[in-house]
């Protein structure tokens, strides 16, 4: 099930949702980035290598991928807290 607003909706495990953008460098919140797969068609060879390495790590060492995602979320929370403190 997924939550869409106030409603909980059942969905098929085979469901795939694709979004495209014309933005050259779109920014997504860390919470979104850890839950989706981003594919950049304007990628450089080094960027492609980084993406492929990320895929291999996720398959071979899911514990490291989970830790990376946890650290991304923690970093975003820390930046948000710092901003709140600086704004006071």
Protein backbone atom coordinates (compact mmCIF):
# COMPACT_ATOMS: atom_id res chain seq x y z
CA UNK A 1 0.00 0.00 0.00
CA UNK A 2 1.05 3.59 -0.58
CA UNK A 3 -0.27 6.80 0.95
CA UNK A 4 -1.56 9.42 -1.43
CA UNK A 5 -2.70 12.40 0.61
CA UNK A 6 -5.12 10.99 3.19
CA UNK A 7 -5.91 7.85 1.19
CA UNK A 8 -4.13 4.50 1.38
CA UNK A 9 -4.04 2.79 -2.01
CA UNK A 10 -3.11 -0.78 -2.88
CA UNK A 11 -0.83 -1.28 -5.88
CA UNK A 12 0.80 -4.06 -7.85
CA UNK A 13 4.43 -4.97 -7.11
CA UNK A 14 4.97 -4.73 -10.90
CA UNK A 15 3.91 -1.07 -10.93
CA UNK A 16 6.54 1.37 -12.22
CA UNK A 17 6.27 5.16 -12.23
CA UNK A 18 8.49 7.23 -14.53
CA UNK A 19 8.92 11.01 -14.42
CA UNK A 20 10.93 13.06 -16.89
CA UNK A 21 12.14 16.64 -16.77
CA UNK A 22 13.80 19.05 -19.15
CA UNK A 23 15.81 20.59 -16.31
CA UNK A 24 19.52 20.00 -16.83
CA UNK A 25 20.25 19.53 -13.13
CA UNK A 26 17.05 19.01 -11.12
CA UNK A 27 17.26 19.05 -7.32
CA UNK A 28 15.42 16.46 -5.28
CA UNK A 29 15.09 16.29 -1.52
CA UNK A 30 17.34 13.68 0.13
CA UNK A 31 14.21 11.85 1.30
CA UNK A 32 13.17 11.42 -2.33
CA UNK A 33 16.64 10.59 -3.63
CA UNK A 34 17.00 7.61 -1.31
CA UNK A 35 13.69 6.08 -2.41
CA UNK A 36 13.96 6.40 -6.19
CA UNK A 37 16.38 5.61 -8.96
CA UNK A 38 17.49 8.70 -10.86
CA UNK A 39 18.69 8.28 -14.42
CA UNK A 40 20.57 11.14 -16.05
CA UNK A 41 20.84 10.83 -19.83
CA UNK A 42 23.40 13.65 -19.95
CA UNK A 43 25.90 11.69 -17.90
CA UNK A 44 29.67 11.73 -18.25
CA UNK A 45 31.77 8.54 -18.23
CA UNK A 46 32.87 9.29 -14.65
CA UNK A 47 29.26 9.87 -13.60
CA UNK A 48 28.21 6.62 -15.25
CA UNK A 49 30.98 4.80 -13.39
CA UNK A 50 29.72 6.27 -10.09
CA UNK A 51 26.14 5.20 -10.85
CA UNK A 52 27.19 1.68 -11.83
CA UNK A 53 29.33 1.38 -8.71
CA UNK A 54 26.31 2.41 -6.64
CA UNK A 55 24.19 -0.29 -8.29
CA UNK A 56 26.86 -2.95 -7.67
CA UNK A 57 27.25 -1.91 -4.02
CA UNK A 58 23.47 -2.01 -3.55
CA UNK A 59 23.35 -5.57 -4.94
CA UNK A 60 26.51 -6.95 -3.32
CA UNK A 61 26.46 -5.08 0.00
CA UNK A 62 22.90 -3.95 0.78
CA UNK A 63 24.06 -3.16 4.33
CA UNK A 64 26.41 -0.47 2.95
CA UNK A 65 23.65 0.93 0.72
CA UNK A 66 21.30 1.11 3.70
CA UNK A 67 23.98 2.84 5.78
CA UNK A 68 24.62 5.35 2.96
CA UNK A 69 20.90 6.15 2.76
CA UNK A 70 20.72 6.53 6.55
CA UNK A 71 23.67 8.93 6.48
CA UNK A 72 22.09 10.97 3.67
CA UNK A 73 18.89 11.32 5.70
CA UNK A 74 20.86 12.19 8.85
CA UNK A 75 22.86 14.81 6.95
CA UNK A 76 19.65 16.40 5.63
CA UNK A 77 18.17 16.49 9.13
CA UNK A 78 21.35 18.05 10.52
CA UNK A 79 21.37 20.73 7.80
CA UNK A 80 17.72 21.50 8.55
CA UNK A 81 18.44 21.80 12.30
CA UNK A 82 21.47 24.03 11.63
CA UNK A 83 19.37 26.30 9.42
CA UNK A 84 16.69 26.53 12.12
CA UNK A 85 19.31 27.41 14.74
CA UNK A 86 20.94 30.03 12.50
CA UNK A 87 17.55 31.61 11.74
CA UNK A 88 16.75 32.13 15.45
